[in-house]
Amino acid sequence: MTAAVPSARERGLQFLRDGAFSDSVEFLLQAVVEDPSDVNSYLYLGLAYAQQGDFDKCVEILEQAADLAPTSAKVHYNLGVAYHKAHRLTQAKDEYLRALGLDPTYAVAKAALDIVPTAPSGGPAQPIELTDAQPPPSEPGPGPDVNAPQQ
């Protein structure tokens, strides 16, 4: 029996893990074309653009993710991080507040919100998280976290 061919998202994610960001973008763009409703592909694609230093493109992609998942605190947090890294601090603050409105216990959004008013232009921003909320048990997971330690 032959092994299954990895999906465009899986290949893009592997390139992202390997630090091959241009290749990652190529496959993740393909993934969002193949399944434009896959929020996690947009999150990974946004991260790939961020890793290339293209925060404007990262914002554009994560805005699309927010359109797809308007009630996801994690998506709004990630969009806030993208705005933060793009030096759009008012919009970053708005997205952190939106994330907290959706999930008042979201500690990382609270911590990010706390540093926005004092962060100088180009100041530190929180790392973009890669996965959305855990799927129901009947659905496959969104894939491993790129930042997770490899075994």
C-alpha atoms as a PDB file:
ATOM      1  CA  MET A   1       0.000   0.000   0.000  1.00  0.00           C
ATOM      2  CA  THR A   2       1.306   3.455  -0.820  1.00  0.00           C
ATOM      3  CA  ALA A   3       1.385   6.337   1.607  1.00  0.00           C
ATOM      4  CA  ALA A   4      -1.201   9.043   1.217  1.00  0.00           C
ATOM      5  CA  VAL A   5      -0.034  12.173  -0.568  1.00  0.00           C
ATOM      6  CA  PRO A   6       0.125  15.053   1.916  1.00  0.00           C
ATOM      7  CA  SER A   7      -2.402  17.819   1.395  1.00  0.00           C
ATOM      8  CA  ALA A   8      -1.339  21.300   0.346  1.00  0.00           C
ATOM      9  CA  ARG A   9      -1.948  22.459   3.933  1.00  0.00           C
ATOM     10  CA  GLU A  10       0.179  19.637   5.367  1.00  0.00           C
ATOM     11  CA  ARG A  11       3.006  20.418   2.938  1.00  0.00           C
ATOM     12  CA  GLY A  12       2.756  24.144   3.637  1.00  0.00           C
ATOM     13  CA  LEU A  13       2.825  23.478   7.364  1.00  0.00           C
ATOM     14  CA  GLN A  14       5.900  21.267   7.006  1.00  0.00           C
ATOM     15  CA  PHE A  15       7.696  23.978   5.024  1.00  0.00           C
ATOM     16  CA  LEU A  16       6.674  26.468   7.711  1.00  0.00           C
ATOM     17  CA  ARG A  17       8.200  24.219  10.404  1.00  0.00           C
ATOM     18  CA  ASP A  18      11.347  23.860   8.314  1.00  0.00           C
ATOM     19  CA  GLY A  19      11.715  27.620   7.902  1.00  0.00           C
ATOM     20  CA  ALA A  20      11.106  27.506   4.138  1.00  0.00           C
ATOM     21  CA  PHE A  21       8.605  30.354   4.258  1.00  0.00           C
ATOM     22  CA  SER A  22       8.333  31.032   0.512  1.00  0.00           C
ATOM     23  CA  ASP A  23       7.524  27.375  -0.137  1.00  0.00           C
ATOM     24  CA  SER A  24       5.128  27.433   2.799  1.00  0.00           C
ATOM     25  CA  VAL A  25       3.270  30.418   1.338  1.00  0.00           C
ATOM     26  CA  GLU A  26       3.010  28.679  -2.042  1.00  0.00           C
ATOM     27  CA  PHE A  27       1.377  25.551  -0.616  1.00  0.00           C
ATOM     28  CA  LEU A  28      -0.799  27.386   1.904  1.00  0.00           C
ATOM     29  CA  LEU A  29      -2.137  29.650  -0.859  1.00  0.00           C
ATOM     30  CA  GLN A  30      -3.040  26.461  -2.705  1.00  0.00           C
ATOM     31  CA  ALA A  31      -4.689  25.128   0.464  1.00  0.00           C
ATOM     32  CA  VAL A  32      -6.967  28.166   0.818  1.00  0.00           C
ATOM     33  CA  VAL A  33      -7.950  27.863  -2.847  1.00  0.00           C
ATOM     34  CA  GLU A  34      -8.736  24.156  -2.382  1.00  0.00           C
ATOM     35  CA  ASP A  35     -10.738  24.783   0.804  1.00  0.00           C
ATOM     36  CA  PRO A  36     -11.598  28.458   1.271  1.00  0.00           C
ATOM     37  CA  SER A  37     -13.496  27.635   4.475  1.00  0.00           C
ATOM     38  CA  ASP A  38     -10.442  26.185   6.289  1.00  0.00           C
ATOM     39  CA  VAL A  39      -9.665  28.856   8.885  1.00  0.00           C
ATOM     40  CA  ASN A  40      -6.512  27.075  10.038  1.00  0.00           C
ATOM     41  CA  SER A  41      -4.984  27.312   6.551  1.00  0.00           C
ATOM     42  CA  TYR A  42      -5.485  31.076   6.740  1.00  0.00           C
ATOM     43  CA  LEU A  43      -3.879  31.170  10.201  1.00  0.00           C
ATOM     44  CA  TYR A  44      -0.859  29.195   8.984  1.00  0.00           C
ATOM     45  CA  LEU A  45      -0.609  31.354   5.853  1.00  0.00           C
ATOM     46  CA  GLY A  46      -0.723  34.498   7.975  1.00  0.00           C
ATOM     47  CA  LEU A  47       2.103  33.123  10.100  1.00  0.00           C
ATOM     48  CA  ALA A  48       4.169  32.316   7.002  1.00  0.00           C
ATOM     49  CA  TYR A  49       3.795  35.907   5.803  1.00  0.00           C
ATOM     50  CA  ALA A  50       4.677  37.178   9.282  1.00  0.00           C
ATOM     51  CA  GLN A  51       7.803  35.011   9.311  1.00  0.00           C
ATOM     52  CA  GLN A  52       8.800  36.674   6.027  1.00  0.00           C
ATOM     53  CA  GLY A  53       8.261  40.079   7.642  1.00  0.00           C
ATOM     54  CA  ASP A  54       5.260  40.869   5.405  1.00  0.00           C
ATOM     55  CA  PHE A  55       2.903  42.041   8.139  1.00  0.00           C
ATOM     56  CA  ASP A  56       0.581  43.857   5.744  1.00  0.00           C
ATOM     57  CA  LYS A  57      -0.072  40.600   3.873  1.00  0.00           C
ATOM     58  CA  CYS A  58      -0.382  38.816   7.215  1.00  0.00           C
ATOM     59  CA  VAL A  59      -3.079  41.309   8.245  1.00  0.00           C
ATOM     60  CA  GLU A  60      -4.893  40.840   4.935  1.00  0.00           C
ATOM     61  CA  ILE A  61      -4.975  37.057   5.331  1.00  0.00           C
ATOM     62  CA  LEU A  62      -6.002  37.141   8.996  1.00  0.00           C
ATOM     63  CA  GLU A  63      -8.788  39.610   8.205  1.00  0.00           C
ATOM     64  CA  GLN A  64     -10.128  36.927   5.863  1.00  0.00           C
ATOM     65  CA  ALA A  65      -9.845  34.382   8.680  1.00  0.00           C
ATOM     66  CA  ALA A  66     -11.832  36.725  10.941  1.00  0.00           C
ATOM     67  CA  ASP A  67     -14.525  36.982   8.262  1.00  0.00           C
ATOM     68  CA  LEU A  68     -14.707  33.172   8.189  1.00  0.00           C
ATOM     69  CA  ALA A  69     -14.695  32.741  11.973  1.00  0.00           C
ATOM     70  CA  PRO A  70     -16.129  35.936  13.501  1.00  0.00           C
ATOM     71  CA  THR A  71     -16.788  34.252  16.850  1.00  0.00           C
ATOM     72  CA  SER A  72     -13.306  32.776  17.261  1.00  0.00           C
ATOM     73  CA  ALA A  73     -11.390  34.520  20.030  1.00  0.00           C
ATOM     74  CA  LYS A  74      -8.167  32.958  18.784  1.00  0.00           C
ATOM     75  CA  VAL A  75      -8.623  34.351  15.264  1.00  0.00           C
ATOM     76  CA  HIS A  76      -9.275  37.839  16.634  1.00  0.00           C
ATOM     77  CA  TYR A  77      -6.277  37.572  18.941  1.00  0.00           C
ATOM     78  CA  ASN A  78      -4.079  36.542  16.004  1.00  0.00           C
ATOM     79  CA  LEU A  79      -5.412  39.429  13.934  1.00  0.00           C
ATOM     80  CA  GLY A  80      -4.582  41.715  16.858  1.00  0.00           C
ATOM     81  CA  VAL A  81      -1.023  40.394  16.854  1.00  0.00           C
ATOM     82  CA  ALA A  82      -0.764  41.009  13.115  1.00  0.00           C
ATOM     83  CA  TYR A  83      -1.993  44.589  13.550  1.00  0.00           C
ATOM     84  CA  HIS A  84       0.424  45.004  16.446  1.00  0.00           C
ATOM     85  CA  LYS A  85       3.372  43.847  14.350  1.00  0.00           C
ATOM     86  CA  ALA A  86       2.224  46.141  11.525  1.00  0.00           C
ATOM     87  CA  HIS A  87       2.313  49.063  14.022  1.00  0.00           C
ATOM     88  CA  ARG A  88      -1.457  49.531  13.826  1.00  0.00           C
ATOM     89  CA  LEU A  89      -1.878  49.707  17.585  1.00  0.00           C
ATOM     90  CA  THR A  90      -5.453  51.026  17.724  1.00  0.00           C
ATOM     91  CA  GLN A  91      -6.656  48.154  15.564  1.00  0.00           C
ATOM     92  CA  ALA A  92      -4.550  45.704  17.581  1.00  0.00           C
ATOM     93  CA  LYS A  93      -6.193  46.887  20.779  1.00  0.00           C
ATOM     94  CA  ASP A  94      -9.648  46.567  19.200  1.00  0.00           C
ATOM     95  CA  GLU A  95      -8.955  42.967  18.172  1.00  0.00           C
ATOM     96  CA  TYR A  96      -7.576  42.013  21.584  1.00  0.00           C
ATOM     97  CA  LEU A  97     -10.732  43.486  23.135  1.00  0.00           C
ATOM     98  CA  ARG A  98     -12.882  41.579  20.636  1.00  0.00           C
ATOM     99  CA  ALA A  99     -11.062  38.346  21.545  1.00  0.00           C
ATOM    100  CA  LEU A 100     -11.645  39.007  25.238  1.00  0.00           C
ATOM    101  CA  GLY A 101     -15.300  39.801  24.560  1.00  0.00           C
ATOM    102  CA  LEU A 102     -15.637  36.377  22.975  1.00  0.00           C
ATOM    103  CA  ASP A 103     -13.607  34.612  25.676  1.00  0.00           C
ATOM    104  CA  PRO A 104     -13.060  36.634  28.873  1.00  0.00           C
ATOM    105  CA  THR A 105     -10.667  33.941  30.172  1.00  0.00           C
ATOM    106  CA  TYR A 106      -8.277  34.251  27.204  1.00  0.00           C
ATOM    107  CA  ALA A 107      -5.182  35.162  29.216  1.00  0.00           C
ATOM    108  CA  VAL A 108      -2.822  35.685  26.276  1.00  0.00           C
ATOM    109  CA  ALA A 109      -5.207  38.256  24.758  1.00  0.00           C
ATOM    110  CA  LYS A 110      -5.383  40.046  28.110  1.00  0.00           C
ATOM    111  CA  ALA A 111      -1.587  40.086  28.357  1.00  0.00           C
ATOM    112  CA  ALA A 112      -1.297  41.423  24.808  1.00  0.00           C
ATOM    113  CA  LEU A 113      -3.886  44.106  25.516  1.00  0.00           C
ATOM    114  CA  ASP A 114      -1.931  45.171  28.582  1.00  0.00           C
ATOM    115  CA  ILE A 115       1.196  45.922  26.524  1.00  0.00           C
ATOM    116  CA  VAL A 116      -0.420  47.760  23.604  1.00  0.00           C
ATOM    117  CA  PRO A 117      -0.607  51.248  25.161  1.00  0.00           C
ATOM    118  CA  THR A 118       3.004  51.113  26.338  1.00  0.00           C
ATOM    119  CA  ALA A 119       4.561  49.392  23.339  1.00  0.00           C
ATOM    120  CA  PRO A 120       6.689  51.786  21.321  1.00  0.00           C
ATOM    121  CA  SER A 121       6.377  51.753  17.558  1.00  0.00           C
ATOM    122  CA  GLY A 122       8.047  48.536  16.541  1.00  0.00           C
ATOM    123  CA  GLY A 123       7.779  47.257  20.108  1.00  0.00           C
ATOM    124  CA  PRO A 124       7.379  43.634  21.079  1.00  0.00           C
ATOM    125  CA  ALA A 125       4.295  41.709  20.076  1.00  0.00           C
ATOM    126  CA  GLN A 126       2.999  38.384  21.227  1.00  0.00           C
ATOM    127  CA  PRO A 127       3.669  35.355  19.004  1.00  0.00           C
ATOM    128  CA  ILE A 128       0.881  34.374  16.662  1.00  0.00           C
ATOM    129  CA  GLU A 129      -0.861  31.220  17.802  1.00  0.00           C
ATOM    130  CA  LEU A 130      -1.481  28.708  15.089  1.00  0.00           C
ATOM    131  CA  THR A 131      -4.509  26.618  15.896  1.00  0.00           C
ATOM    132  CA  ASP A 132      -8.128  27.404  16.482  1.00  0.00           C
ATOM    133  CA  ALA A 133     -10.251  25.976  19.285  1.00  0.00           C
ATOM    134  CA  GLN A 134     -10.207  22.217  19.634  1.00  0.00           C
ATOM    135  CA  PRO A 135     -12.575  20.578  17.129  1.00  0.00           C
ATOM    136  CA  PRO A 136     -15.359  18.289  18.298  1.00  0.00           C
ATOM    137  CA  PRO A 137     -14.209  14.667  18.756  1.00  0.00           C
ATOM    138  CA  SER A 138     -15.845  13.634  15.456  1.00  0.00           C
ATOM    139  CA  GLU A 139     -13.672  16.035  13.426  1.00  0.00           C
ATOM    140  CA  PRO A 140      -9.976  15.680  12.684  1.00  0.00           C
ATOM    141  CA  GLY A 141      -7.744  18.140  14.470  1.00  0.00           C
ATOM    142  CA  PRO A 142      -6.213  21.145  12.738  1.00  0.00           C
ATOM    143  CA  GLY A 143      -2.785  19.587  12.702  1.00  0.00           C
ATOM    144  CA  PRO A 144       0.143  19.990  15.013  1.00  0.00           C
ATOM    145  CA  ASP A 145       1.215  23.332  16.356  1.00  0.00           C
ATOM    146  CA  VAL A 146       4.247  24.499  14.403  1.00  0.00           C
ATOM    147  CA  ASN A 147       5.816  25.711  17.637  1.00  0.00           C
ATOM    148  CA  ALA A 148       5.305  22.408  19.410  1.00  0.00           C
ATOM    149  CA  PRO A 149       8.515  20.547  20.226  1.00  0.00           C
ATOM    150  CA  GLN A 150       9.285  17.849  17.699  1.00  0.00           C
ATOM    151  CA  GLN A 151       9.885  14.343  18.991  1.00  0.00           C
END
